[in-house]
Amino acid sequence: MIRVAQVAVASCILIAMPSLLTAEAERCEGLVQVGAGDWSVIIDPAPEMHPVCEFATHSEIGSRILAECPDESMCRVSIPLRGEAGAGMEHDSMKRILEVLSVERIGK
C-alpha cells in the first residue's frame, strides 16, 4: 500500500512540474523601435507612447527579438519574473531585458 502511495505522489509531482517550470513571466508588450545607437525599446502605444523595456540592439537577445519583431512591429516579449535569474533590471522607469523566455509578434 505504501508503494502505491509513493508512485501516486511521484506521478503528481511529475504532472505538476511543467506548470512550475512555466510559471508566469513578466511581459514587455508594445511597439518595437530600433534605436540609432546601441539600445532599442519597446514602447507602450497608449496613450503617451512611453518606453516600457529596452534591449541591446546588437546582442544575442536583440537579434532574437528583432528576428521575430522587426522595427515598428507590435511585439510581446516574456522575461523572467523579478528576482529570478535573468530577470529584467529596472533602469529609470523601464525594464532592461537581460533574458528572453519567449518572443511573439502580435498584430500585423
Protein backbone atom coordinates (compact mmCIF):
# COMPACT_ATOMS: atom_id res chain seq x y z
CA MET A 1 0.00 0.00 0.00
CA ILE A 2 2.85 2.39 0.82
CA ARG A 3 4.48 1.66 -2.55
CA VAL A 4 1.24 2.61 -4.37
CA ALA A 5 1.07 5.87 -2.43
CA GLN A 6 4.70 6.65 -3.32
CA VAL A 7 4.01 6.05 -7.01
CA ALA A 8 0.90 8.26 -6.84
CA VAL A 9 2.84 11.09 -5.18
CA ALA A 10 5.66 10.78 -7.73
CA SER A 11 3.12 10.91 -10.56
CA CYS A 12 1.52 14.04 -9.11
CA ILE A 13 4.91 15.71 -8.83
CA LEU A 14 5.77 14.87 -12.46
CA ILE A 15 2.42 16.18 -13.65
CA ALA A 16 2.71 19.39 -11.61
CA MET A 17 6.35 20.02 -12.54
CA PRO A 18 5.72 21.53 -16.01
CA SER A 19 3.35 24.11 -14.52
CA LEU A 20 6.04 25.06 -12.00
CA LEU A 21 8.62 25.36 -14.75
CA THR A 22 6.34 27.57 -16.84
CA ALA A 23 5.41 29.95 -14.03
CA GLU A 24 4.13 33.32 -15.05
CA ALA A 25 6.60 35.71 -16.58
CA GLU A 26 6.77 39.46 -16.80
CA ARG A 27 5.89 40.87 -20.20
CA CYS A 28 7.16 43.70 -22.30
CA GLU A 29 4.48 44.41 -24.85
CA GLY A 30 4.22 47.18 -27.39
CA LEU A 31 5.77 48.79 -30.46
CA VAL A 32 9.39 47.92 -31.25
CA GLN A 33 11.60 50.89 -32.13
CA VAL A 34 15.16 50.16 -33.18
CA GLY A 35 17.48 52.86 -31.88
CA ALA A 36 20.24 54.58 -33.81
CA GLY A 37 22.76 53.61 -31.12
CA ASP A 38 23.24 50.50 -29.02
CA TRP A 39 19.74 50.30 -27.50
CA SER A 40 16.28 49.64 -28.87
CA VAL A 41 13.00 49.97 -26.99
CA ILE A 42 9.53 48.51 -26.75
CA ILE A 43 7.02 51.33 -26.37
CA ASP A 44 3.57 51.20 -24.78
CA PRO A 45 1.42 52.62 -27.58
CA ALA A 46 -1.30 54.00 -25.32
CA PRO A 47 -1.60 56.90 -24.67
CA GLU A 48 1.76 58.65 -24.13
CA MET A 49 3.99 56.30 -26.16
CA HIS A 50 6.45 55.82 -23.27
CA PRO A 51 9.17 53.15 -23.36
CA VAL A 52 8.48 50.13 -21.14
CA CYS A 53 11.51 47.94 -21.95
CA GLU A 54 14.89 48.30 -23.58
CA PHE A 55 17.32 45.78 -25.04
CA ALA A 56 20.79 45.86 -26.58
CA THR A 57 20.16 46.01 -30.32
CA HIS A 58 23.23 44.07 -31.47
CA SER A 59 23.20 41.42 -28.73
CA GLU A 60 22.04 37.81 -28.96
CA ILE A 61 18.83 38.84 -27.18
CA GLY A 62 18.34 41.81 -29.50
CA SER A 63 18.83 39.58 -32.54
CA ARG A 64 16.26 37.11 -31.21
CA ILE A 65 13.69 39.86 -30.59
CA LEU A 66 14.27 41.58 -33.94
CA ALA A 67 14.14 38.29 -35.88
CA GLU A 68 10.55 37.85 -34.72
CA CYS A 69 9.55 41.51 -34.35
CA PRO A 70 11.21 43.92 -36.79
CA ASP A 71 11.30 47.69 -36.32
CA GLU A 72 7.83 49.29 -35.98
CA SER A 73 6.05 45.98 -35.30
CA MET A 74 3.96 45.11 -32.25
CA CYS A 75 5.62 42.56 -30.02
CA ARG A 76 5.16 40.63 -26.78
CA VAL A 77 8.36 39.55 -25.00
CA SER A 78 8.19 37.35 -21.91
CA ILE A 79 11.05 37.74 -19.45
CA PRO A 80 11.78 36.02 -16.13
CA LEU A 81 9.96 37.33 -13.07
CA ARG A 82 11.78 39.82 -10.89
CA GLY A 83 14.14 38.05 -8.53
CA GLU A 84 14.76 35.08 -10.85
CA ALA A 85 17.99 34.56 -12.74
CA GLY A 86 17.95 36.62 -15.93
CA ALA A 87 15.11 38.86 -14.76
CA GLY A 88 14.95 42.33 -16.27
CA MET A 89 16.67 45.15 -14.39
CA GLU A 90 14.79 48.35 -13.65
CA HIS A 91 16.51 51.22 -15.46
CA ASP A 92 14.74 54.52 -14.83
CA SER A 93 11.07 53.67 -15.40
CA MET A 94 11.62 50.81 -17.84
CA LYS A 95 12.92 47.26 -17.70
CA ARG A 96 16.18 46.27 -19.33
CA ILE A 97 15.75 42.87 -20.99
CA LEU A 98 18.57 40.54 -19.94
CA GLU A 99 16.95 37.21 -20.83
CA VAL A 100 14.05 36.22 -23.05
CA LEU A 101 11.65 33.35 -22.38
CA SER A 102 9.57 33.91 -25.50
CA VAL A 103 9.04 36.44 -28.28
CA GLU A 104 5.79 36.81 -30.20
CA ARG A 105 4.82 39.24 -32.92
CA ILE A 106 1.30 40.50 -32.35
CA GLY A 107 -1.00 42.33 -34.70
CA LYS A 108 0.14 42.82 -38.29
